[in-house]
Protein backbone atom coordinates (compact mmCIF):
# COMPACT_ATOMS: atom_id res chain seq x y z
CA UNK A 1 0.00 0.00 0.00
CA UNK A 2 1.72 3.10 -1.14
CA UNK A 3 -0.80 5.92 -1.17
CA UNK A 4 -1.29 8.72 1.30
CA UNK A 5 -2.80 7.48 4.57
CA UNK A 6 -2.21 3.83 3.63
CA UNK A 7 -5.10 3.95 1.16
CA UNK A 8 -4.74 1.13 -1.38
CA UNK A 9 -3.53 2.19 -4.84
CA UNK A 10 -5.89 1.67 -7.77
CA UNK A 11 -3.97 -1.47 -8.75
CA UNK A 12 -4.27 -2.84 -5.23
CA UNK A 13 -7.97 -1.94 -5.18
CA UNK A 14 -8.60 -3.70 -8.49
CA UNK A 15 -6.81 -6.83 -7.27
CA UNK A 16 -8.69 -6.84 -3.97
CA UNK A 17 -12.03 -6.37 -5.72
CA UNK A 18 -11.27 -9.18 -8.21
CA UNK A 19 -10.36 -11.55 -5.38
CA UNK A 20 -13.50 -10.75 -3.41
CA UNK A 21 -15.71 -11.09 -6.48
CA UNK A 22 -14.44 -14.60 -7.14
CA UNK A 23 -15.34 -15.66 -3.58
CA UNK A 24 -18.74 -13.95 -3.23
CA UNK A 25 -20.84 -17.09 -3.83
CA UNK A 26 -18.74 -19.10 -1.36
CA UNK A 27 -18.84 -16.41 1.32
CA UNK A 28 -22.59 -15.99 0.93
CA UNK A 29 -23.23 -19.74 1.01
CA UNK A 30 -21.01 -20.18 4.08
CA UNK A 31 -23.38 -18.05 6.16
CA UNK A 32 -26.54 -19.10 4.35
CA UNK A 33 -27.80 -15.77 3.08
CA UNK A 34 -29.49 -15.04 -0.23
CA UNK A 35 -28.34 -12.55 -2.83
CA UNK A 36 -31.36 -10.44 -1.91
CA UNK A 37 -30.42 -10.40 1.77
CA UNK A 38 -26.83 -9.35 1.08
CA UNK A 39 -27.89 -6.69 -1.41
CA UNK A 40 -30.44 -5.23 1.01
CA UNK A 41 -27.89 -5.09 3.85
CA UNK A 42 -25.21 -3.34 1.77
CA UNK A 43 -27.64 -1.05 -0.06
CA UNK A 44 -27.58 -2.22 -3.67
CA UNK A 45 -30.22 -3.93 -5.80
CA UNK A 46 -30.38 -7.72 -6.03
CA UNK A 47 -29.81 -7.39 -9.78
CA UNK A 48 -26.61 -5.42 -9.17
CA UNK A 49 -25.41 -8.00 -6.66
CA UNK A 50 -26.19 -10.83 -9.10
CA UNK A 51 -24.22 -9.00 -11.80
CA UNK A 52 -21.26 -8.76 -9.39
CA UNK A 53 -21.37 -12.46 -8.50
CA UNK A 54 -21.59 -13.48 -12.15
CA UNK A 55 -18.85 -11.00 -13.09
CA UNK A 56 -21.09 -9.13 -15.52
CA UNK A 57 -20.47 -5.90 -13.64
CA UNK A 58 -17.35 -4.51 -12.01
CA UNK A 59 -17.47 -3.85 -8.30
CA UNK A 60 -17.10 -0.30 -7.00
CA UNK A 61 -14.75 0.44 -4.13
CA UNK A 62 -17.67 1.50 -1.91
CA UNK A 63 -19.45 -1.81 -2.60
CA UNK A 64 -16.21 -3.67 -1.85
CA UNK A 65 -15.91 -1.90 1.50
CA UNK A 66 -19.56 -2.62 2.33
CA UNK A 67 -19.06 -6.32 1.55
CA UNK A 68 -15.84 -6.44 3.57
CA UNK A 69 -17.63 -4.93 6.55
CA UNK A 70 -20.60 -7.29 6.15
CA UNK A 71 -18.58 -10.49 5.75
CA UNK A 72 -15.90 -9.30 8.19
CA UNK A 73 -18.45 -8.85 10.99
CA UNK A 74 -19.73 -12.40 10.57
CA UNK A 75 -17.93 -15.14 12.49
CA UNK A 76 -18.55 -17.60 9.67
CA UNK A 77 -16.74 -15.54 7.05
CA UNK A 78 -14.32 -13.20 8.85
CA UNK A 79 -11.42 -15.66 8.85
CA UNK A 80 -12.07 -16.53 5.23
CA UNK A 81 -11.53 -12.88 4.22
CA UNK A 82 -8.08 -13.07 5.80
CA UNK A 83 -7.24 -16.40 4.17
CA UNK A 84 -8.19 -15.25 0.66
CA UNK A 85 -6.18 -12.06 1.10
CA UNK A 86 -8.87 -9.41 0.71
CA UNK A 87 -8.70 -8.06 4.24
CA UNK A 88 -5.08 -7.02 4.19
CA UNK A 89 -3.44 -5.70 7.37
CA UNK A 90 -3.31 -2.23 5.79
CA UNK A 91 -7.00 -2.29 4.90
CA UNK A 92 -7.86 -3.67 8.32
CA UNK A 93 -5.93 -0.79 9.93
CA UNK A 94 -7.69 1.71 7.68
CA UNK A 95 -11.10 0.35 8.70
CA UNK A 96 -10.30 -0.08 12.38
CA UNK A 97 -12.02 2.36 14.69
CA UNK A 98 -9.26 1.77 17.25
CA UNK A 99 -6.68 3.42 14.99
CA UNK A 100 -8.61 6.60 14.21
CA UNK A 101 -7.20 9.79 15.68
CA UNK A 102 -9.44 11.95 17.78
CA UNK A 103 -9.99 15.42 16.41
PDB file of N, CA and C in Angstrom:
ATOM      1  N   UNK A   1       0.849  -1.157   0.000  1.00  0.00           N
ATOM      2  CA  UNK A   1       0.000   0.000   0.000  1.00  0.00           C
ATOM      3  C   UNK A   1       0.899   1.224   0.000  1.00  0.00           C
ATOM      4  N   UNK A   2       0.750   2.030  -1.009  1.00  0.00           N
ATOM      5  CA  UNK A   2       1.717   3.098  -1.137  1.00  0.00           C
ATOM      6  C   UNK A   2       1.094   4.469  -1.304  1.00  0.00           C
ATOM      7  N   UNK A   3      -0.163   4.621  -1.041  1.00  0.00           N
ATOM      8  CA  UNK A   3      -0.799   5.917  -1.166  1.00  0.00           C
ATOM      9  C   UNK A   3      -0.817   6.637   0.165  1.00  0.00           C
ATOM     10  N   UNK A   4      -1.179   7.901   0.110  1.00  0.00           N
ATOM     11  CA  UNK A   4      -1.286   8.719   1.305  1.00  0.00           C
ATOM     12  C   UNK A   4      -2.268   8.073   2.276  1.00  0.00           C
ATOM     13  N   UNK A   5      -1.923   8.031   3.546  1.00  0.00           N
ATOM     14  CA  UNK A   5      -2.804   7.483   4.567  1.00  0.00           C
ATOM     15  C   UNK A   5      -3.032   5.996   4.441  1.00  0.00           C
ATOM     16  N   UNK A   6      -2.097   5.281   3.814  1.00  0.00           N
ATOM     17  CA  UNK A   6      -2.210   3.835   3.629  1.00  0.00           C
ATOM     18  C   UNK A   6      -3.427   3.410   2.815  1.00  0.00           C
ATOM     19  N   UNK A   7      -3.982   4.305   2.026  1.00  0.00           N
ATOM     20  CA  UNK A   7      -5.101   3.954   1.156  1.00  0.00           C
ATOM     21  C   UNK A   7      -4.565   3.094   0.015  1.00  0.00           C
ATOM     22  N   UNK A   8      -5.228   1.993  -0.303  1.00  0.00           N
ATOM     23  CA  UNK A   8      -4.742   1.134  -1.380  1.00  0.00           C
ATOM     24  C   UNK A   8      -4.659   1.881  -2.716  1.00  0.00           C
ATOM     25  N   UNK A   9      -3.633   1.597  -3.505  1.00  0.00           N
ATOM     26  CA  UNK A   9      -3.534   2.188  -4.836  1.00  0.00           C
ATOM     27  C   UNK A   9      -4.606   1.581  -5.723  1.00  0.00           C
ATOM     28  N   UNK A  10      -4.844   2.187  -6.881  1.00  0.00           N
ATOM     29  CA  UNK A  10      -5.892   1.669  -7.766  1.00  0.00           C
ATOM     30  C   UNK A  10      -5.590   0.242  -8.205  1.00  0.00           C
ATOM     31  N   UNK A  11      -4.314  -0.098  -8.411  1.00  0.00           N
ATOM     32  CA  UNK A  11      -3.973  -1.474  -8.755  1.00  0.00           C
ATOM     33  C   UNK A  11      -4.292  -2.413  -7.603  1.00  0.00           C
ATOM     34  N   UNK A  12      -3.947  -2.027  -6.403  1.00  0.00           N
ATOM     35  CA  UNK A  12      -4.273  -2.836  -5.234  1.00  0.00           C
ATOM     36  C   UNK A  12      -5.788  -2.993  -5.101  1.00  0.00           C
ATOM     37  N   UNK A  13      -6.515  -1.906  -5.279  1.00  0.00           N
ATOM     38  CA  UNK A  13      -7.973  -1.943  -5.179  1.00  0.00           C
ATOM     39  C   UNK A  13      -8.542  -2.920  -6.200  1.00  0.00           C
ATOM     40  N   UNK A  14      -8.098  -2.815  -7.440  1.00  0.00           N
ATOM     41  CA  UNK A  14      -8.599  -3.703  -8.495  1.00  0.00           C
ATOM     42  C   UNK A  14      -8.342  -5.170  -8.145  1.00  0.00           C
ATOM     43  N   UNK A  15      -7.158  -5.454  -7.646  1.00  0.00           N
ATOM     44  CA  UNK A  15      -6.814  -6.829  -7.269  1.00  0.00           C
ATOM     45  C   UNK A  15      -7.680  -7.311  -6.116  1.00  0.00           C
ATOM     46  N   UNK A  16      -7.856  -6.476  -5.109  1.00  0.00           N
ATOM     47  CA  UNK A  16      -8.691  -6.840  -3.965  1.00  0.00           C
ATOM     48  C   UNK A  16     -10.138  -7.079  -4.396  1.00  0.00           C
ATOM     49  N   UNK A  17     -10.653  -6.224  -5.258  1.00  0.00           N
ATOM     50  CA  UNK A  17     -12.031  -6.371  -5.722  1.00  0.00           C
ATOM     51  C   UNK A  17     -12.198  -7.628  -6.567  1.00  0.00           C
ATOM     52  N   UNK A  18     -11.218  -7.949  -7.407  1.00  0.00           N
ATOM     53  CA  UNK A  18     -11.270  -9.183  -8.206  1.00  0.00           C
ATOM     54  C   UNK A  18     -11.279 -10.415  -7.300  1.00  0.00           C
ATOM     55  N   UNK A  19     -10.413 -10.415  -6.302  1.00  0.00           N
ATOM     56  CA  UNK A  19     -10.361 -11.555  -5.383  1.00  0.00           C
ATOM     57  C   UNK A  19     -11.694 -11.739  -4.671  1.00  0.00           C
ATOM     58  N   UNK A  20     -12.240 -10.648  -4.138  1.00  0.00           N
ATOM     59  CA  UNK A  20     -13.500 -10.753  -3.408  1.00  0.00           C
ATOM     60  C   UNK A  20     -14.610 -11.227  -4.330  1.00  0.00           C
ATOM     61  N   UNK A  21     -14.666 -10.702  -5.534  1.00  0.00           N
ATOM     62  CA  UNK A  21     -15.705 -11.094  -6.485  1.00  0.00           C
ATOM     63  C   UNK A  21     -15.696 -12.598  -6.721  1.00  0.00           C
ATOM     64  N   UNK A  22     -14.517 -13.165  -6.859  1.00  0.00           N
ATOM     65  CA  UNK A  22     -14.440 -14.603  -7.139  1.00  0.00           C
ATOM     66  C   UNK A  22     -14.924 -15.461  -5.964  1.00  0.00           C
ATOM     67  N   UNK A  23     -14.911 -14.903  -4.763  1.00  0.00           N
ATOM     68  CA  UNK A  23     -15.340 -15.657  -3.582  1.00  0.00           C
ATOM     69  C   UNK A  23     -16.740 -15.293  -3.081  1.00  0.00           C
ATOM     70  N   UNK A  24     -17.424 -14.372  -3.720  1.00  0.00           N
ATOM     71  CA  UNK A  24     -18.738 -13.951  -3.231  1.00  0.00           C
ATOM     72  C   UNK A  24     -19.721 -15.105  -3.042  1.00  0.00           C
ATOM     73  N   UNK A  25     -19.881 -15.994  -4.033  1.00  0.00           N
ATOM     74  CA  UNK A  25     -20.838 -17.087  -3.826  1.00  0.00           C
ATOM     75  C   UNK A  25     -20.478 -17.985  -2.644  1.00  0.00           C
ATOM     76  N   UNK A  26     -19.197 -18.239  -2.452  1.00  0.00           N
ATOM     77  CA  UNK A  26     -18.743 -19.102  -1.363  1.00  0.00           C
ATOM     78  C   UNK A  26     -18.982 -18.420  -0.017  1.00  0.00           C
ATOM     79  N   UNK A  27     -18.634 -17.148   0.080  1.00  0.00           N
ATOM     80  CA  UNK A  27     -18.839 -16.409   1.317  1.00  0.00           C
ATOM     81  C   UNK A  27     -20.319 -16.373   1.686  1.00  0.00           C
ATOM     82  N   UNK A  28     -21.145 -16.096   0.702  1.00  0.00           N
ATOM     83  CA  UNK A  28     -22.586 -15.994   0.931  1.00  0.00           C
ATOM     84  C   UNK A  28     -23.165 -17.339   1.366  1.00  0.00           C
ATOM     85  N   UNK A  29     -22.742 -18.397   0.684  1.00  0.00           N
ATOM     86  CA  UNK A  29     -23.233 -19.738   1.014  1.00  0.00           C
ATOM     87  C   UNK A  29     -22.770 -20.173   2.405  1.00  0.00           C
ATOM     88  N   UNK A  30     -21.567 -19.773   2.775  1.00  0.00           N
ATOM     89  CA  UNK A  30     -21.008 -20.177   4.078  1.00  0.00           C
ATOM     90  C   UNK A  30     -21.878 -19.698   5.238  1.00  0.00           C
ATOM     91  N   UNK A  31     -22.523 -18.543   5.078  1.00  0.00           N
ATOM     92  CA  UNK A  31     -23.377 -18.048   6.161  1.00  0.00           C
ATOM     93  C   UNK A  31     -24.862 -18.198   5.836  1.00  0.00           C
ATOM     94  N   UNK A  32     -25.168 -18.779   4.683  1.00  0.00           N
ATOM     95  CA  UNK A  32     -26.544 -19.101   4.346  1.00  0.00           C
ATOM     96  C   UNK A  32     -27.465 -17.923   4.113  1.00  0.00           C
ATOM     97  N   UNK A  33     -26.957 -16.923   3.409  1.00  0.00           N
ATOM     98  CA  UNK A  33     -27.799 -15.774   3.078  1.00  0.00           C
ATOM     99  C   UNK A  33     -28.028 -15.716   1.571  1.00  0.00           C
ATOM    100  N   UNK A  34     -29.156 -15.152   1.194  1.00  0.00           N
ATOM    101  CA  UNK A  34     -29.490 -15.039  -0.225  1.00  0.00           C
ATOM    102  C   UNK A  34     -28.841 -13.793  -0.829  1.00  0.00           C
ATOM    103  N   UNK A  35     -28.830 -13.740  -2.141  1.00  0.00           N
ATOM    104  CA  UNK A  35     -28.339 -12.546  -2.828  1.00  0.00           C
ATOM    105  C   UNK A  35     -29.162 -11.336  -2.429  1.00  0.00           C
ATOM    106  N   UNK A  36     -30.472 -11.532  -2.299  1.00  0.00           N
ATOM    107  CA  UNK A  36     -31.355 -10.438  -1.912  1.00  0.00           C
ATOM    108  C   UNK A  36     -31.049  -9.910  -0.516  1.00  0.00           C
ATOM    109  N   UNK A  37     -30.743 -10.822   0.407  1.00  0.00           N
ATOM    110  CA  UNK A  37     -30.416 -10.403   1.774  1.00  0.00           C
ATOM    111  C   UNK A  37     -29.122  -9.596   1.807  1.00  0.00           C
ATOM    112  N   UNK A  38     -28.103 -10.076   1.112  1.00  0.00           N
ATOM    113  CA  UNK A  38     -26.830  -9.348   1.076  1.00  0.00           C
ATOM    114  C   UNK A  38     -27.033  -7.987   0.427  1.00  0.00           C
ATOM    115  N   UNK A  39     -27.718  -7.955  -0.697  1.00  0.00           N
ATOM    116  CA  UNK A  39     -27.890  -6.689  -1.406  1.00  0.00           C
ATOM    117  C   UNK A  39     -28.654  -5.679  -0.562  1.00  0.00           C
ATOM    118  N   UNK A  40     -29.655  -6.136   0.158  1.00  0.00           N
ATOM    119  CA  UNK A  40     -30.435  -5.234   1.015  1.00  0.00           C
ATOM    120  C   UNK A  40     -29.565  -4.668   2.136  1.00  0.00           C
ATOM    121  N   UNK A  41     -28.750  -5.512   2.743  1.00  0.00           N
ATOM    122  CA  UNK A  41     -27.887  -5.089   3.849  1.00  0.00           C
ATOM    123  C   UNK A  41     -26.856  -4.064   3.400  1.00  0.00           C
ATOM    124  N   UNK A  42     -26.264  -4.269   2.216  1.00  0.00           N
ATOM    125  CA  UNK A  42     -25.208  -3.344   1.770  1.00  0.00           C
ATOM    126  C   UNK A  42     -25.737  -2.187   0.924  1.00  0.00           C
ATOM    127  N   UNK A  43     -27.037  -2.202   0.607  1.00  0.00           N
ATOM    128  CA  UNK A  43     -27.641  -1.052  -0.061  1.00  0.00           C
ATOM    129  C   UNK A  43     -27.535  -1.008  -1.571  1.00  0.00           C
ATOM    130  N   UNK A  44     -27.545  -2.180  -2.209  1.00  0.00           N
ATOM    131  CA  UNK A  44     -27.582  -2.223  -3.671  1.00  0.00           C
ATOM    132  C   UNK A  44     -28.751  -3.129  -4.084  1.00  0.00           C
ATOM    133  N   UNK A  45     -29.124  -3.077  -5.344  1.00  0.00           N
ATOM    134  CA  UNK A  45     -30.220  -3.932  -5.798  1.00  0.00           C
ATOM    135  C   UNK A  45     -29.752  -5.388  -5.919  1.00  0.00           C
ATOM    136  N   UNK A  46     -30.709  -6.314  -5.856  1.00  0.00           N
ATOM    137  CA  UNK A  46     -30.376  -7.724  -6.025  1.00  0.00           C
ATOM    138  C   UNK A  46     -29.791  -7.959  -7.408  1.00  0.00           C
ATOM    139  N   UNK A  47     -30.313  -7.246  -8.416  1.00  0.00           N
ATOM    140  CA  UNK A  47     -29.807  -7.394  -9.780  1.00  0.00           C
ATOM    141  C   UNK A  47     -28.343  -6.960  -9.871  1.00  0.00           C
ATOM    142  N   UNK A  48     -28.004  -5.875  -9.180  1.00  0.00           N
ATOM    143  CA  UNK A  48     -26.610  -5.423  -9.167  1.00  0.00           C
ATOM    144  C   UNK A  48     -25.728  -6.455  -8.490  1.00  0.00           C
ATOM    145  N   UNK A  49     -26.197  -6.989  -7.362  1.00  0.00           N
ATOM    146  CA  UNK A  49     -25.409  -8.000  -6.663  1.00  0.00           C
ATOM    147  C   UNK A  49     -25.222  -9.243  -7.534  1.00  0.00           C
ATOM    148  N   UNK A  50     -26.287  -9.676  -8.191  1.00  0.00           N
ATOM    149  CA  UNK A  50     -26.194 -10.825  -9.099  1.00  0.00           C
ATOM    150  C   UNK A  50     -25.158 -10.562 -10.190  1.00  0.00           C
ATOM    151  N   UNK A  51     -25.183  -9.362 -10.749  1.00  0.00           N
ATOM    152  CA  UNK A  51     -24.219  -9.002 -11.797  1.00  0.00           C
ATOM    153  C   UNK A  51     -22.784  -9.028 -11.263  1.00  0.00           C
ATOM    154  N   UNK A  52     -22.592  -8.682  -9.987  1.00  0.00           N
ATOM    155  CA  UNK A  52     -21.259  -8.763  -9.390  1.00  0.00           C
ATOM    156  C   UNK A  52     -20.818 -10.213  -9.246  1.00  0.00           C
ATOM    157  N   UNK A  53     -21.704 -11.038  -8.705  1.00  0.00           N
ATOM    158  CA  UNK A  53     -21.368 -12.460  -8.498  1.00  0.00           C
ATOM    159  C   UNK A  53     -21.069 -13.175  -9.803  1.00  0.00           C
ATOM    160  N   UNK A  54     -21.787 -12.819 -10.857  1.00  0.00           N
ATOM    161  CA  UNK A  54     -21.594 -13.481 -12.150  1.00  0.00           C
ATOM    162  C   UNK A  54     -20.550 -12.768 -13.016  1.00  0.00           C
ATOM    163  N   UNK A  55     -19.927 -11.768 -12.440  1.00  0.00           N
ATOM    164  CA  UNK A  55     -18.851 -11.004 -13.090  1.00  0.00           C
ATOM    165  C   UNK A  55     -19.309 -10.290 -14.364  1.00  0.00           C
ATOM    166  N   UNK A  56     -20.565  -9.897 -14.390  1.00  0.00           N
ATOM    167  CA  UNK A  56     -21.086  -9.126 -15.518  1.00  0.00           C
ATOM    168  C   UNK A  56     -20.980  -7.631 -15.254  1.00  0.00           C
ATOM    169  N   UNK A  57     -20.616  -7.301 -14.027  1.00  0.00           N
ATOM    170  CA  UNK A  57     -20.471  -5.902 -13.638  1.00  0.00           C
ATOM    171  C   UNK A  57     -19.278  -5.795 -12.702  1.00  0.00           C
ATOM    172  N   UNK A  58     -18.501  -4.737 -12.890  1.00  0.00           N
ATOM    173  CA  UNK A  58     -17.351  -4.509 -12.013  1.00  0.00           C
ATOM    174  C   UNK A  58     -17.815  -3.921 -10.690  1.00  0.00           C
ATOM    175  N   UNK A  59     -17.145  -4.315  -9.634  1.00  0.00           N
ATOM    176  CA  UNK A  59     -17.475  -3.849  -8.301  1.00  0.00           C
ATOM    177  C   UNK A  59     -16.886  -2.460  -8.066  1.00  0.00           C
ATOM    178  N   UNK A  60     -17.639  -1.603  -7.399  1.00  0.00           N
ATOM    179  CA  UNK A  60     -17.103  -0.304  -6.997  1.00  0.00           C
ATOM    180  C   UNK A  60     -16.363  -0.462  -5.676  1.00  0.00           C
ATOM    181  N   UNK A  61     -15.499   0.494  -5.379  1.00  0.00           N
ATOM    182  CA  UNK A  61     -14.755   0.443  -4.127  1.00  0.00           C
ATOM    183  C   UNK A  61     -15.703   0.553  -2.932  1.00  0.00           C
ATOM    184  N   UNK A  62     -16.736   1.369  -3.026  1.00  0.00           N
ATOM    185  CA  UNK A  62     -17.673   1.499  -1.907  1.00  0.00           C
ATOM    186  C   UNK A  62     -18.442   0.195  -1.679  1.00  0.00           C
ATOM    187  N   UNK A  63     -18.797  -0.508  -2.746  1.00  0.00           N
ATOM    188  CA  UNK A  63     -19.449  -1.808  -2.598  1.00  0.00           C
ATOM    189  C   UNK A  63     -18.486  -2.814  -1.995  1.00  0.00           C
ATOM    190  N   UNK A  64     -17.236  -2.796  -2.427  1.00  0.00           N
ATOM    191  CA  UNK A  64     -16.213  -3.669  -1.851  1.00  0.00           C
ATOM    192  C   UNK A  64     -16.122  -3.456  -0.340  1.00  0.00           C
ATOM    193  N   UNK A  65     -16.021  -2.199   0.077  1.00  0.00           N
ATOM    194  CA  UNK A  65     -15.909  -1.903   1.499  1.00  0.00           C
ATOM    195  C   UNK A  65     -17.146  -2.361   2.266  1.00  0.00           C
ATOM    196  N   UNK A  66     -18.322  -2.168   1.680  1.00  0.00           N
ATOM    197  CA  UNK A  66     -19.559  -2.624   2.327  1.00  0.00           C
ATOM    198  C   UNK A  66     -19.553  -4.140   2.494  1.00  0.00           C
ATOM    199  N   UNK A  67     -19.121  -4.854   1.472  1.00  0.00           N
ATOM    200  CA  UNK A  67     -19.061  -6.316   1.550  1.00  0.00           C
ATOM    201  C   UNK A  67     -18.014  -6.784   2.556  1.00  0.00           C
ATOM    202  N   UNK A  68     -16.882  -6.098   2.602  1.00  0.00           N
ATOM    203  CA  UNK A  68     -15.841  -6.437   3.574  1.00  0.00           C
ATOM    204  C   UNK A  68     -16.374  -6.254   4.990  1.00  0.00           C
ATOM    205  N   UNK A  69     -17.077  -5.158   5.224  1.00  0.00           N
ATOM    206  CA  UNK A  69     -17.634  -4.930   6.550  1.00  0.00           C
ATOM    207  C   UNK A  69     -18.702  -5.968   6.885  1.00  0.00           C
ATOM    208  N   UNK A  70     -19.554  -6.297   5.916  1.00  0.00           N
ATOM    209  CA  UNK A  70     -20.599  -7.292   6.146  1.00  0.00           C
ATOM    210  C   UNK A  70     -20.004  -8.665   6.454  1.00  0.00           C
ATOM    211  N   UNK A  71     -19.159  -9.169   5.560  1.00  0.00           N
ATOM    212  CA  UNK A  71     -18.581 -10.494   5.754  1.00  0.00           C
ATOM    213  C   UNK A  71     -17.558 -10.506   6.892  1.00  0.00           C
ATOM    214  N   UNK A  72     -16.888  -9.379   7.121  1.00  0.00           N
ATOM    215  CA  UNK A  72     -15.902  -9.297   8.191  1.00  0.00           C
ATOM    216  C   UNK A  72     -16.508  -9.291   9.581  1.00  0.00           C
ATOM    217  N   UNK A  73     -17.753  -8.870   9.691  1.00  0.00           N
ATOM    218  CA  UNK A  73     -18.448  -8.851  10.988  1.00  0.00           C
ATOM    219  C   UNK A  73     -19.160 -10.160  11.278  1.00  0.00           C
ATOM    220  N   UNK A  74     -19.074 -11.110  10.374  1.00  0.00           N
ATOM    221  CA  UNK A  74     -19.728 -12.396  10.567  1.00  0.00           C
ATOM    222  C   UNK A  74     -18.684 -13.441  10.931  1.00  0.00           C
ATOM    223  N   UNK A  75     -18.904 -14.133  12.040  1.00  0.00           N
ATOM    224  CA  UNK A  75     -17.932 -15.138  12.489  1.00  0.00           C
ATOM    225  C   UNK A  75     -17.678 -16.218  11.444  1.00  0.00           C
ATOM    226  N   UNK A  76     -18.696 -16.536  10.654  1.00  0.00           N
ATOM    227  CA  UNK A  76     -18.554 -17.598   9.670  1.00  0.00           C
ATOM    228  C   UNK A  76     -17.694 -17.239   8.471  1.00  0.00           C
ATOM    229  N   UNK A  77     -17.492 -15.948   8.239  1.00  0.00           N
ATOM    230  CA  UNK A  77     -16.738 -15.542   7.045  1.00  0.00           C
ATOM    231  C   UNK A  77     -15.540 -14.639   7.332  1.00  0.00           C
ATOM    232  N   UNK A  78     -15.412 -14.133   8.534  1.00  0.00           N
ATOM    233  CA  UNK A  78     -14.321 -13.197   8.850  1.00  0.00           C
ATOM    234  C   UNK A  78     -12.946 -13.804   8.589  1.00  0.00           C
ATOM    235  N   UNK A  79     -12.729 -15.024   9.063  1.00  0.00           N
ATOM    236  CA  UNK A  79     -11.421 -15.661   8.851  1.00  0.00           C
ATOM    237  C   UNK A  79     -11.163 -15.936   7.377  1.00  0.00           C
ATOM    238  N   UNK A  80     -12.228 -16.237   6.648  1.00  0.00           N
ATOM    239  CA  UNK A  80     -12.075 -16.526   5.230  1.00  0.00           C
ATOM    240  C   UNK A  80     -11.565 -15.300   4.473  1.00  0.00           C
ATOM    241  N   UNK A  81     -12.017 -14.100   4.870  1.00  0.00           N
ATOM    242  CA  UNK A  81     -11.531 -12.878   4.225  1.00  0.00           C
ATOM    243  C   UNK A  81     -10.023 -12.750   4.381  1.00  0.00           C
ATOM    244  N   UNK A  82      -9.532 -13.086   5.566  1.00  0.00           N
ATOM    245  CA  UNK A  82      -8.079 -13.069   5.799  1.00  0.00           C
ATOM    246  C   UNK A  82      -7.375 -14.095   4.929  1.00  0.00           C
ATOM    247  N   UNK A  83      -7.922 -15.310   4.891  1.00  0.00           N
ATOM    248  CA  UNK A  83      -7.241 -16.395   4.172  1.00  0.00           C
ATOM    249  C   UNK A  83      -7.209 -16.171   2.661  1.00  0.00           C
ATOM    250  N   UNK A  84      -8.206 -15.500   2.105  1.00  0.00           N
ATOM    251  CA  UNK A  84      -8.187 -15.248   0.661  1.00  0.00           C
ATOM    252  C   UNK A  84      -7.429 -13.970   0.311  1.00  0.00           C
ATOM    253  N   UNK A  85      -7.030 -13.224   1.327  1.00  0.00           N
ATOM    254  CA  UNK A  85      -6.181 -12.064   1.097  1.00  0.00           C
ATOM    255  C   UNK A  85      -6.888 -10.782   0.720  1.00  0.00           C
ATOM    256  N   UNK A  86      -8.172 -10.656   1.047  1.00  0.00           N
ATOM    257  CA  UNK A  86      -8.870  -9.405   0.711  1.00  0.00           C
ATOM    258  C   UNK A  86      -8.949  -8.442   1.884  1.00  0.00           C
ATOM    259  N   UNK A  87      -8.755  -8.949   3.074  1.00  0.00           N
ATOM    260  CA  UNK A  87      -8.702  -8.065   4.235  1.00  0.00           C
ATOM    261  C   UNK A  87      -7.248  -7.985   4.671  1.00  0.00           C
ATOM    262  N   UNK A  88      -6.510  -7.172   3.942  1.00  0.00           N
ATOM    263  CA  UNK A  88      -5.082  -7.024   4.194  1.00  0.00           C
ATOM    264  C   UNK A  88      -4.867  -6.290   5.520  1.00  0.00           C
ATOM    265  N   UNK A  89      -3.710  -6.434   6.132  1.00  0.00           N
ATOM    266  CA  UNK A  89      -3.442  -5.699   7.372  1.00  0.00           C
ATOM    267  C   UNK A  89      -3.612  -4.185   7.199  1.00  0.00           C
ATOM    268  N   UNK A  90      -3.184  -3.665   6.045  1.00  0.00           N
ATOM    269  CA  UNK A  90      -3.310  -2.226   5.791  1.00  0.00           C
ATOM    270  C   UNK A  90      -4.773  -1.803   5.715  1.00  0.00           C
ATOM    271  N   UNK A  91      -5.578  -2.597   5.019  1.00  0.00           N
ATOM    272  CA  UNK A  91      -6.999  -2.289   4.904  1.00  0.00           C
ATOM    273  C   UNK A  91      -7.684  -2.448   6.255  1.00  0.00           C
ATOM    274  N   UNK A  92      -7.310  -3.454   6.987  1.00  0.00           N
ATOM    275  CA  UNK A  92      -7.865  -3.666   8.320  1.00  0.00           C
ATOM    276  C   UNK A  92      -7.551  -2.472   9.226  1.00  0.00           C
ATOM    277  N   UNK A  93      -6.318  -1.972   9.159  1.00  0.00           N
ATOM    278  CA  UNK A  93      -5.935  -0.790   9.934  1.00  0.00           C
ATOM    279  C   UNK A  93      -6.746   0.427   9.508  1.00  0.00           C
ATOM    280  N   UNK A  94      -6.927   0.579   8.214  1.00  0.00           N
ATOM    281  CA  UNK A  94      -7.685   1.708   7.684  1.00  0.00           C
ATOM    282  C   UNK A  94      -9.126   1.689   8.185  1.00  0.00           C
ATOM    283  N   UNK A  95      -9.714   0.492   8.276  1.00  0.00           N
ATOM    284  CA  UNK A  95     -11.104   0.353   8.696  1.00  0.00           C
ATOM    285  C   UNK A  95     -11.282   0.303  10.205  1.00  0.00           C
ATOM    286  N   UNK A  96     -10.213   0.100  10.932  1.00  0.00           N
ATOM    287  CA  UNK A  96     -10.298  -0.075  12.376  1.00  0.00           C
ATOM    288  C   UNK A  96     -10.641   1.235  13.080  1.00  0.00           C
ATOM    289  N   UNK A  97     -11.656   1.178  13.914  1.00  0.00           N
ATOM    290  CA  UNK A  97     -12.025   2.358  14.686  1.00  0.00           C
ATOM    291  C   UNK A  97     -11.003   2.616  15.806  1.00  0.00           C
ATOM    292  N   UNK A  98     -10.260   1.599  16.189  1.00  0.00           N
ATOM    293  CA  UNK A  98      -9.258   1.768  17.250  1.00  0.00           C
ATOM    294  C   UNK A  98      -8.076   2.619  16.806  1.00  0.00           C
ATOM    295  N   UNK A  99      -7.850   2.691  15.491  1.00  0.00           N
ATOM    296  CA  UNK A  99      -6.685   3.422  14.989  1.00  0.00           C
ATOM    297  C   UNK A  99      -7.010   4.831  14.513  1.00  0.00           C
ATOM    298  N   UNK A 100      -8.251   5.254  14.649  1.00  0.00           N
ATOM    299  CA  UNK A 100      -8.611   6.605  14.211  1.00  0.00           C
ATOM    300  C   UNK A 100      -8.184   7.617  15.261  1.00  0.00           C
ATOM    301  N   UNK A 101      -7.656   8.731  14.773  1.00  0.00           N
ATOM    302  CA  UNK A 101      -7.197   9.788  15.677  1.00  0.00           C
ATOM    303  C   UNK A 101      -8.392  10.648  16.074  1.00  0.00           C
ATOM    304  N   UNK A 102      -8.399  11.044  17.318  1.00  0.00           N
ATOM    305  CA  UNK A 102      -9.439  11.951  17.779  1.00  0.00           C
ATOM    306  C   UNK A 102      -9.119  13.350  17.287  1.00  0.00           C
ATOM    307  N   UNK A 103     -10.179  14.055  16.926  1.00  0.00           N
ATOM    308  CA  UNK A 103      -9.990  15.425  16.414  1.00  0.00           C
ATOM    309  C   UNK A 103     -10.216  16.429  17.499  1.00  0.00           C
TER     310      UNK A 103
END
